[in-house]
Full PDB file with SEQRES, HELIX, SHEET, SSBOND, CRYST1, ORIGX, SCALE, CONECT and MASTER records, all heavy atoms in Angstrom:
SEQRES   1 A   34  GLU ARG PRO PHE TYR LEU ASP ARG ALA LEU SER GLU SER          
SEQRES   2 A   34  SER SER GLN ASN ASP SER GLY SER ALA GLY SER SER GLU          
SEQRES   3 A   34  GLU THR ASP SER VAL LEU LEU VAL                              
HELIX    1 AA1 ASP A    7  GLN A   16  1                                  10    
HELIX    2 AA2 GLY A   20  LEU A   33  1                                  14    
CRYST1    1.000    1.000    1.000  90.00  90.00  90.00 P 1           1          
ORIGX1      1.000000  0.000000  0.000000        0.00000                         
ORIGX2      0.000000  1.000000  0.000000        0.00000                         
ORIGX3      0.000000  0.000000  1.000000        0.00000                         
SCALE1      1.000000  0.000000  0.000000        0.00000                         
SCALE2      0.000000  1.000000  0.000000        0.00000                         
SCALE3      0.000000  0.000000  1.000000        0.00000                         
ATOM      1  N   GLU A   1       2.484  21.278   2.343  1.00  0.00           N  
ATOM      2  CA  GLU A   1       1.233  21.248   3.177  1.00  0.00           C  
ATOM      3  C   GLU A   1       0.455  19.957   3.021  1.00  0.00           C  
ATOM      4  O   GLU A   1      -0.283  19.562   3.955  1.00  0.00           O  
ATOM      5  CB  GLU A   1       0.355  22.456   2.719  1.00  0.00           C  
ATOM      6  CG  GLU A   1       0.992  23.810   3.082  1.00  0.00           C  
ATOM      7  CD  GLU A   1       0.148  24.951   2.566  1.00  0.00           C  
ATOM      8  OE1 GLU A   1      -0.943  24.651   1.947  1.00  0.00           O  
ATOM      9  OE2 GLU A   1       0.571  26.118   2.711  1.00  0.00           O  
ATOM     10  N   ARG A   2       0.518  19.340   1.839  1.00  0.00           N  
ATOM     11  CA  ARG A   2      -0.371  18.206   1.594  1.00  0.00           C  
ATOM     12  C   ARG A   2       0.448  16.962   1.180  1.00  0.00           C  
ATOM     13  O   ARG A   2       1.002  16.946   0.065  1.00  0.00           O  
ATOM     14  CB  ARG A   2      -1.393  18.486   0.466  1.00  0.00           C  
ATOM     15  CG  ARG A   2      -2.411  19.526   0.900  1.00  0.00           C  
ATOM     16  CD  ARG A   2      -3.370  19.712  -0.265  1.00  0.00           C  
ATOM     17  NE  ARG A   2      -2.713  20.241  -1.395  1.00  0.00           N  
ATOM     18  CZ  ARG A   2      -2.423  21.557  -1.557  1.00  0.00           C  
ATOM     19  NH1 ARG A   2      -2.765  22.374  -0.697  1.00  0.00           N  
ATOM     20  NH2 ARG A   2      -1.821  21.958  -2.668  1.00  0.00           N  
ATOM     21  N   PRO A   3       0.619  15.940   2.068  1.00  0.00           N  
ATOM     22  CA  PRO A   3       1.371  14.716   1.658  1.00  0.00           C  
ATOM     23  C   PRO A   3       0.669  13.939   0.620  1.00  0.00           C  
ATOM     24  O   PRO A   3      -0.617  13.903   0.574  1.00  0.00           O  
ATOM     25  CB  PRO A   3       1.574  13.922   2.974  1.00  0.00           C  
ATOM     26  CG  PRO A   3       0.416  14.451   3.783  1.00  0.00           C  
ATOM     27  CD  PRO A   3       0.155  15.842   3.421  1.00  0.00           C  
ATOM     28  N   PHE A   4       1.423  13.275  -0.205  1.00  0.00           N  
ATOM     29  CA  PHE A   4       0.812  12.461  -1.230  1.00  0.00           C  
ATOM     30  C   PHE A   4       0.221  11.174  -0.607  1.00  0.00           C  
ATOM     31  O   PHE A   4       0.931  10.485   0.095  1.00  0.00           O  
ATOM     32  CB  PHE A   4       1.888  12.091  -2.329  1.00  0.00           C  
ATOM     33  CG  PHE A   4       1.282  11.364  -3.544  1.00  0.00           C  
ATOM     34  CD1 PHE A   4       0.796  12.137  -4.555  1.00  0.00           C  
ATOM     35  CD2 PHE A   4       1.324  10.044  -3.613  1.00  0.00           C  
ATOM     36  CE1 PHE A   4       0.283  11.529  -5.639  1.00  0.00           C  
ATOM     37  CE2 PHE A   4       0.851   9.445  -4.756  1.00  0.00           C  
ATOM     38  CZ  PHE A   4       0.275  10.194  -5.785  1.00  0.00           C  
ATOM     39  N   TYR A   5      -1.046  10.911  -0.838  1.00  0.00           N  
ATOM     40  CA  TYR A   5      -1.606   9.783  -0.195  1.00  0.00           C  
ATOM     41  C   TYR A   5      -2.484   9.000  -1.221  1.00  0.00           C  
ATOM     42  O   TYR A   5      -2.997   9.539  -2.162  1.00  0.00           O  
ATOM     43  CB  TYR A   5      -2.505  10.167   1.011  1.00  0.00           C  
ATOM     44  CG  TYR A   5      -3.592  11.120   0.652  1.00  0.00           C  
ATOM     45  CD1 TYR A   5      -4.905  10.656   0.292  1.00  0.00           C  
ATOM     46  CD2 TYR A   5      -3.391  12.483   0.658  1.00  0.00           C  
ATOM     47  CE1 TYR A   5      -5.913  11.536  -0.019  1.00  0.00           C  
ATOM     48  CE2 TYR A   5      -4.435  13.352   0.288  1.00  0.00           C  
ATOM     49  CZ  TYR A   5      -5.674  12.893   0.008  1.00  0.00           C  
ATOM     50  OH  TYR A   5      -6.654  13.825  -0.313  1.00  0.00           O  
ATOM     51  N   LEU A   6      -2.610   7.708  -0.911  1.00  0.00           N  
ATOM     52  CA  LEU A   6      -3.412   6.734  -1.810  1.00  0.00           C  
ATOM     53  C   LEU A   6      -4.383   5.999  -0.932  1.00  0.00           C  
ATOM     54  O   LEU A   6      -4.174   4.843  -0.588  1.00  0.00           O  
ATOM     55  CB  LEU A   6      -2.403   5.809  -2.483  1.00  0.00           C  
ATOM     56  CG  LEU A   6      -1.405   6.498  -3.350  1.00  0.00           C  
ATOM     57  CD1 LEU A   6      -0.335   5.411  -3.824  1.00  0.00           C  
ATOM     58  CD2 LEU A   6      -1.998   7.190  -4.541  1.00  0.00           C  
ATOM     59  N   ASP A   7      -5.436   6.594  -0.547  1.00  0.00           N  
ATOM     60  CA  ASP A   7      -6.421   5.992   0.349  1.00  0.00           C  
ATOM     61  C   ASP A   7      -7.065   4.742  -0.249  1.00  0.00           C  
ATOM     62  O   ASP A   7      -7.172   3.704   0.388  1.00  0.00           O  
ATOM     63  CB  ASP A   7      -7.522   7.023   0.695  1.00  0.00           C  
ATOM     64  CG  ASP A   7      -6.966   8.141   1.499  1.00  0.00           C  
ATOM     65  OD1 ASP A   7      -5.937   7.995   2.139  1.00  0.00           O  
ATOM     66  OD2 ASP A   7      -7.631   9.199   1.525  1.00  0.00           O  
ATOM     67  N   ARG A   8      -7.372   4.885  -1.512  1.00  0.00           N  
ATOM     68  CA  ARG A   8      -8.059   3.776  -2.132  1.00  0.00           C  
ATOM     69  C   ARG A   8      -7.225   2.589  -2.335  1.00  0.00           C  
ATOM     70  O   ARG A   8      -7.585   1.393  -2.141  1.00  0.00           O  
ATOM     71  CB  ARG A   8      -8.768   4.204  -3.420  1.00  0.00           C  
ATOM     72  CG  ARG A   8      -9.532   3.087  -4.127  1.00  0.00           C  
ATOM     73  CD  ARG A   8     -10.190   3.655  -5.379  1.00  0.00           C  
ATOM     74  NE  ARG A   8     -10.899   2.602  -6.054  1.00  0.00           N  
ATOM     75  CZ  ARG A   8     -11.587   2.754  -7.216  1.00  0.00           C  
ATOM     76  NH1 ARG A   8     -11.603   3.963  -7.762  1.00  0.00           N  
ATOM     77  NH2 ARG A   8     -12.189   1.733  -7.797  1.00  0.00           N  
ATOM     78  N   ALA A   9      -6.007   2.906  -2.741  1.00  0.00           N  
ATOM     79  CA  ALA A   9      -5.013   1.772  -3.044  1.00  0.00           C  
ATOM     80  C   ALA A   9      -4.708   1.039  -1.763  1.00  0.00           C  
ATOM     81  O   ALA A   9      -4.644  -0.189  -1.704  1.00  0.00           O  
ATOM     82  CB  ALA A   9      -3.785   2.385  -3.661  1.00  0.00           C  
ATOM     83  N   LEU A  10      -4.451   1.774  -0.674  1.00  0.00           N  
ATOM     84  CA  LEU A  10      -4.098   1.080   0.583  1.00  0.00           C  
ATOM     85  C   LEU A  10      -5.260   0.328   1.180  1.00  0.00           C  
ATOM     86  O   LEU A  10      -5.060  -0.787   1.716  1.00  0.00           O  
ATOM     87  CB  LEU A  10      -3.696   2.235   1.595  1.00  0.00           C  
ATOM     88  CG  LEU A  10      -2.393   2.875   1.292  1.00  0.00           C  
ATOM     89  CD1 LEU A  10      -2.094   3.941   2.373  1.00  0.00           C  
ATOM     90  CD2 LEU A  10      -1.207   1.914   1.229  1.00  0.00           C  
ATOM     91  N   SER A  11      -6.539   0.770   0.930  1.00  0.00           N  
ATOM     92  CA  SER A  11      -7.619   0.082   1.536  1.00  0.00           C  
ATOM     93  C   SER A  11      -7.811  -1.227   0.748  1.00  0.00           C  
ATOM     94  O   SER A  11      -8.122  -2.271   1.325  1.00  0.00           O  
ATOM     95  CB  SER A  11      -8.974   0.927   1.467  1.00  0.00           C  
ATOM     96  OG  SER A  11      -9.246   1.201   0.135  1.00  0.00           O  
ATOM     97  N   GLU A  12      -7.708  -1.286  -0.595  1.00  0.00           N  
ATOM     98  CA  GLU A  12      -7.931  -2.457  -1.374  1.00  0.00           C  
ATOM     99  C   GLU A  12      -6.772  -3.440  -1.108  1.00  0.00           C  
ATOM    100  O   GLU A  12      -6.936  -4.654  -1.068  1.00  0.00           O  
ATOM    101  CB  GLU A  12      -8.042  -2.125  -2.845  1.00  0.00           C  
ATOM    102  CG  GLU A  12      -9.240  -1.364  -3.194  1.00  0.00           C  
ATOM    103  CD  GLU A  12      -9.400  -1.124  -4.639  1.00  0.00           C  
ATOM    104  OE1 GLU A  12      -8.410  -1.530  -5.378  1.00  0.00           O  
ATOM    105  OE2 GLU A  12     -10.331  -0.470  -5.084  1.00  0.00           O  
ATOM    106  N   SER A  13      -5.578  -2.808  -1.011  1.00  0.00           N  
ATOM    107  CA  SER A  13      -4.388  -3.794  -0.702  1.00  0.00           C  
ATOM    108  C   SER A  13      -4.532  -4.455   0.682  1.00  0.00           C  
ATOM    109  O   SER A  13      -4.213  -5.604   0.793  1.00  0.00           O  
ATOM    110  CB  SER A  13      -3.138  -2.960  -0.758  1.00  0.00           C  
ATOM    111  OG  SER A  13      -2.021  -3.706  -0.420  1.00  0.00           O  
ATOM    112  N   SER A  14      -5.078  -3.757   1.631  1.00  0.00           N  
ATOM    113  CA  SER A  14      -5.274  -4.312   2.917  1.00  0.00           C  
ATOM    114  C   SER A  14      -6.284  -5.443   2.953  1.00  0.00           C  
ATOM    115  O   SER A  14      -6.169  -6.445   3.665  1.00  0.00           O  
ATOM    116  CB  SER A  14      -5.646  -3.232   3.928  1.00  0.00           C  
ATOM    117  OG  SER A  14      -5.866  -3.727   5.168  1.00  0.00           O  
ATOM    118  N   SER A  15      -7.348  -5.352   2.190  1.00  0.00           N  
ATOM    119  CA  SER A  15      -8.417  -6.392   2.129  1.00  0.00           C  
ATOM    120  C   SER A  15      -8.004  -7.569   1.396  1.00  0.00           C  
ATOM    121  O   SER A  15      -8.413  -8.688   1.621  1.00  0.00           O  
ATOM    122  CB  SER A  15      -9.697  -5.719   1.557  1.00  0.00           C  
ATOM    123  OG  SER A  15      -9.475  -5.342   0.196  1.00  0.00           O  
ATOM    124  N   GLN A  16      -7.200  -7.569   0.343  1.00  0.00           N  
ATOM    125  CA  GLN A  16      -6.870  -8.636  -0.539  1.00  0.00           C  
ATOM    126  C   GLN A  16      -5.650  -9.444  -0.003  1.00  0.00           C  
ATOM    127  O   GLN A  16      -5.475 -10.631  -0.303  1.00  0.00           O  
ATOM    128  CB  GLN A  16      -6.573  -8.187  -1.968  1.00  0.00           C  
ATOM    129  CG  GLN A  16      -7.798  -7.641  -2.602  1.00  0.00           C  
ATOM    130  CD  GLN A  16      -7.555  -7.110  -4.033  1.00  0.00           C  
ATOM    131  OE1 GLN A  16      -6.390  -7.241  -4.478  1.00  0.00           O  
ATOM    132  NE2 GLN A  16      -8.513  -6.667  -4.677  1.00  0.00           N  
ATOM    133  N   ASN A  17      -4.734  -8.864   0.783  1.00  0.00           N  
ATOM    134  CA  ASN A  17      -3.534  -9.472   1.215  1.00  0.00           C  
ATOM    135  C   ASN A  17      -3.495  -9.498   2.665  1.00  0.00           C  
ATOM    136  O   ASN A  17      -3.313  -8.509   3.301  1.00  0.00           O  
ATOM    137  CB  ASN A  17      -2.311  -8.824   0.630  1.00  0.00           C  
ATOM    138  CG  ASN A  17      -2.244  -8.835  -0.930  1.00  0.00           C  
ATOM    139  OD1 ASN A  17      -2.007  -9.853  -1.554  1.00  0.00           O  
ATOM    140  ND2 ASN A  17      -2.582  -7.631  -1.470  1.00  0.00           N  
ATOM    141  N   ASP A  18      -3.710 -10.745   3.273  1.00  0.00           N  
ATOM    142  CA  ASP A  18      -3.713 -10.863   4.734  1.00  0.00           C  
ATOM    143  C   ASP A  18      -2.284 -11.237   5.200  1.00  0.00           C  
ATOM    144  O   ASP A  18      -1.966 -11.092   6.375  1.00  0.00           O  
ATOM    145  CB  ASP A  18      -4.657 -12.016   5.169  1.00  0.00           C  
ATOM    146  CG  ASP A  18      -6.091 -11.599   4.812  1.00  0.00           C  
ATOM    147  OD1 ASP A  18      -6.356 -10.366   4.788  1.00  0.00           O  
ATOM    148  OD2 ASP A  18      -6.920 -12.467   4.562  1.00  0.00           O  
ATOM    149  N   SER A  19      -1.428 -11.818   4.348  1.00  0.00           N  
ATOM    150  CA  SER A  19      -0.127 -12.208   4.814  1.00  0.00           C  
ATOM    151  C   SER A  19       0.816 -11.046   4.936  1.00  0.00           C  
ATOM    152  O   SER A  19       0.654 -10.121   4.215  1.00  0.00           O  
ATOM    153  CB  SER A  19       0.476 -13.215   3.834  1.00  0.00           C  
ATOM    154  OG  SER A  19       0.677 -12.644   2.604  1.00  0.00           O  
ATOM    155  N   GLY A  20       1.724 -11.138   5.899  1.00  0.00           N  
ATOM    156  CA  GLY A  20       2.670 -10.070   6.210  1.00  0.00           C  
ATOM    157  C   GLY A  20       3.597  -9.819   5.025  1.00  0.00           C  
ATOM    158  O   GLY A  20       3.935  -8.748   4.738  1.00  0.00           O  
ATOM    159  N   SER A  21       4.049 -10.964   4.378  1.00  0.00           N  
ATOM    160  CA  SER A  21       4.980 -10.772   3.375  1.00  0.00           C  
ATOM    161  C   SER A  21       4.423 -10.134   2.092  1.00  0.00           C  
ATOM    162  O   SER A  21       5.058  -9.256   1.496  1.00  0.00           O  
ATOM    163  CB  SER A  21       5.610 -12.196   2.916  1.00  0.00           C  
ATOM    164  OG  SER A  21       4.583 -13.016   2.530  1.00  0.00           O  
ATOM    165  N   ALA A  22       3.168 -10.526   1.823  1.00  0.00           N  
ATOM    166  CA  ALA A  22       2.533  -9.936   0.634  1.00  0.00           C  
ATOM    167  C   ALA A  22       2.275  -8.538   0.865  1.00  0.00           C  
ATOM    168  O   ALA A  22       2.513  -7.670   0.004  1.00  0.00           O  
ATOM    169  CB  ALA A  22       1.222 -10.699   0.339  1.00  0.00           C  
ATOM    170  N   GLY A  23       1.804  -8.139   2.084  1.00  0.00           N  
ATOM    171  CA  GLY A  23       1.486  -6.700   2.426  1.00  0.00           C  
ATOM    172  C   GLY A  23       2.776  -5.914   2.407  1.00  0.00           C  
ATOM    173  O   GLY A  23       2.864  -4.815   1.902  1.00  0.00           O  
ATOM    174  N   SER A  24       3.893  -6.466   2.863  1.00  0.00           N  
ATOM    175  CA  SER A  24       5.163  -5.770   2.886  1.00  0.00           C  
ATOM    176  C   SER A  24       5.658  -5.513   1.527  1.00  0.00           C  
ATOM    177  O   SER A  24       6.073  -4.408   1.163  1.00  0.00           O  
ATOM    178  CB  SER A  24       6.218  -6.580   3.630  1.00  0.00           C  
ATOM    179  OG  SER A  24       7.456  -5.979   3.573  1.00  0.00           O  
ATOM    180  N   SER A  25       5.495  -6.517   0.611  1.00  0.00           N  
ATOM    181  CA  SER A  25       5.898  -6.329  -0.764  1.00  0.00           C  
ATOM    182  C   SER A  25       5.063  -5.195  -1.464  1.00  0.00           C  
ATOM    183  O   SER A  25       5.584  -4.415  -2.166  1.00  0.00           O  
ATOM    184  CB  SER A  25       5.716  -7.682  -1.501  1.00  0.00           C  
ATOM    185  OG  SER A  25       6.002  -7.395  -2.893  1.00  0.00           O  
ATOM    186  N   GLU A  26       3.676  -5.203  -1.211  1.00  0.00           N  
ATOM    187  CA  GLU A  26       2.902  -4.216  -1.769  1.00  0.00           C  
ATOM    188  C   GLU A  26       3.222  -2.796  -1.317  1.00  0.00           C  
ATOM    189  O   GLU A  26       3.196  -1.837  -2.064  1.00  0.00           O  
ATOM    190  CB  GLU A  26       1.398  -4.522  -1.484  1.00  0.00           C  
ATOM    191  CG  GLU A  26       0.920  -5.775  -2.281  1.00  0.00           C  
ATOM    192  CD  GLU A  26      -0.473  -6.194  -1.792  1.00  0.00           C  
ATOM    193  OE1 GLU A  26      -0.991  -5.513  -0.864  1.00  0.00           O  
ATOM    194  OE2 GLU A  26      -0.976  -7.114  -2.391  1.00  0.00           O  
ATOM    195  N   GLU A  27       3.456  -2.658   0.037  1.00  0.00           N  
ATOM    196  CA  GLU A  27       3.810  -1.362   0.558  1.00  0.00           C  
ATOM    197  C   GLU A  27       5.130  -0.873  -0.045  1.00  0.00           C  
ATOM    198  O   GLU A  27       5.265   0.279  -0.330  1.00  0.00           O  
ATOM    199  CB  GLU A  27       3.917  -1.441   2.051  1.00  0.00           C  
ATOM    200  CG  GLU A  27       2.594  -1.644   2.764  1.00  0.00           C  
ATOM    201  CD  GLU A  27       2.752  -1.746   4.260  1.00  0.00           C  
ATOM    202  OE1 GLU A  27       3.906  -1.711   4.713  1.00  0.00           O  
ATOM    203  OE2 GLU A  27       1.713  -1.921   4.913  1.00  0.00           O  
ATOM    204  N   THR A  28       6.028  -1.824  -0.261  1.00  0.00           N  
ATOM    205  CA  THR A  28       7.314  -1.373  -0.895  1.00  0.00           C  
ATOM    206  C   THR A  28       7.084  -0.837  -2.258  1.00  0.00           C  
ATOM    207  O   THR A  28       7.678   0.132  -2.657  1.00  0.00           O  
ATOM    208  CB  THR A  28       8.271  -2.590  -0.862  1.00  0.00           C  
ATOM    209  OG1 THR A  28       8.447  -3.013   0.524  1.00  0.00           O  
ATOM    210  CG2 THR A  28       9.650  -2.157  -1.471  1.00  0.00           C  
ATOM    211  N   ASP A  29       6.208  -1.649  -3.024  1.00  0.00           N  
ATOM    212  CA  ASP A  29       5.933  -1.172  -4.398  1.00  0.00           C  
ATOM    213  C   ASP A  29       5.325   0.220  -4.332  1.00  0.00           C  
ATOM    214  O   ASP A  29       5.599   1.026  -5.159  1.00  0.00           O  
ATOM    215  CB  ASP A  29       5.003  -2.113  -5.050  1.00  0.00           C  
ATOM    216  CG  ASP A  29       5.733  -3.533  -5.292  1.00  0.00           C  
ATOM    217  OD1 ASP A  29       6.972  -3.474  -5.308  1.00  0.00           O  
ATOM    218  OD2 ASP A  29       5.014  -4.531  -5.513  1.00  0.00           O  
ATOM    219  N   SER A  30       4.408   0.405  -3.351  1.00  0.00           N  
ATOM    220  CA  SER A  30       3.732   1.739  -3.275  1.00  0.00           C  
ATOM    221  C   SER A  30       4.718   2.817  -3.012  1.00  0.00           C  
ATOM    222  O   SER A  30       4.684   3.904  -3.627  1.00  0.00           O  
ATOM    223  CB  SER A  30       2.696   1.729  -2.211  1.00  0.00           C  
ATOM    224  OG  SER A  30       1.685   0.767  -2.462  1.00  0.00           O  
ATOM    225  N   VAL A  31       5.719   2.589  -2.115  1.00  0.00           N  
ATOM    226  CA  VAL A  31       6.718   3.594  -1.812  1.00  0.00           C  
ATOM    227  C   VAL A  31       7.613   3.861  -3.013  1.00  0.00           C  
ATOM    228  O   VAL A  31       7.896   4.986  -3.327  1.00  0.00           O  
ATOM    229  CB  VAL A  31       7.544   3.161  -0.613  1.00  0.00           C  
ATOM    230  CG1 VAL A  31       8.704   4.086  -0.398  1.00  0.00           C  
ATOM    231  CG2 VAL A  31       6.703   3.040   0.645  1.00  0.00           C  
ATOM    232  N   LEU A  32       8.021   2.771  -3.697  1.00  0.00           N  
ATOM    233  CA  LEU A  32       8.743   3.000  -4.896  1.00  0.00           C  
ATOM    234  C   LEU A  32       7.987   3.759  -5.954  1.00  0.00           C  
ATOM    235  O   LEU A  32       8.541   4.624  -6.668  1.00  0.00           O  
ATOM    236  CB  LEU A  32       9.164   1.590  -5.482  1.00  0.00           C  
ATOM    237  CG  LEU A  32      10.148   0.846  -4.639  1.00  0.00           C  
ATOM    238  CD1 LEU A  32      10.390  -0.582  -5.277  1.00  0.00           C  
ATOM    239  CD2 LEU A  32      11.451   1.554  -4.578  1.00  0.00           C  
ATOM    240  N   LEU A  33       6.702   3.480  -6.086  1.00  0.00           N  
ATOM    241  CA  LEU A  33       5.846   4.284  -7.015  1.00  0.00           C  
ATOM    242  C   LEU A  33       5.848   5.700  -6.675  1.00  0.00           C  
ATOM    243  O   LEU A  33       6.006   6.613  -7.548  1.00  0.00           O  
ATOM    244  CB  LEU A  33       4.452   3.715  -7.054  1.00  0.00           C  
ATOM    245  CG  LEU A  33       4.192   2.409  -7.840  1.00  0.00           C  
ATOM    246  CD1 LEU A  33       2.819   1.874  -7.651  1.00  0.00           C  
ATOM    247  CD2 LEU A  33       4.528   2.590  -9.324  1.00  0.00           C  
ATOM    248  N   VAL A  34       5.712   5.983  -5.382  1.00  0.00           N  
ATOM    249  CA  VAL A  34       5.712   7.367  -4.946  1.00  0.00           C  
ATOM    250  C   VAL A  34       7.044   8.043  -5.213  1.00  0.00           C  
ATOM    251  O   VAL A  34       7.089   9.210  -5.745  1.00  0.00           O  
ATOM    252  CB  VAL A  34       5.298   7.468  -3.516  1.00  0.00           C  
ATOM    253  CG1 VAL A  34       5.445   8.930  -3.010  1.00  0.00           C  
ATOM    254  CG2 VAL A  34       3.882   6.993  -3.263  1.00  0.00           C  
TER     255      VAL A  34                                                      
MASTER        0    0    0    2    0    0    0    6  254    1    0    3          
END                                                                             
């Protein structure tokens, strides 16, 4: 019923990394963490 979400982590990651490659790397790390 409830997917695991990280609102705060995604918001901070979005503000600090403007480049596509950096964001892609962080999202991959987040998925791996999950």
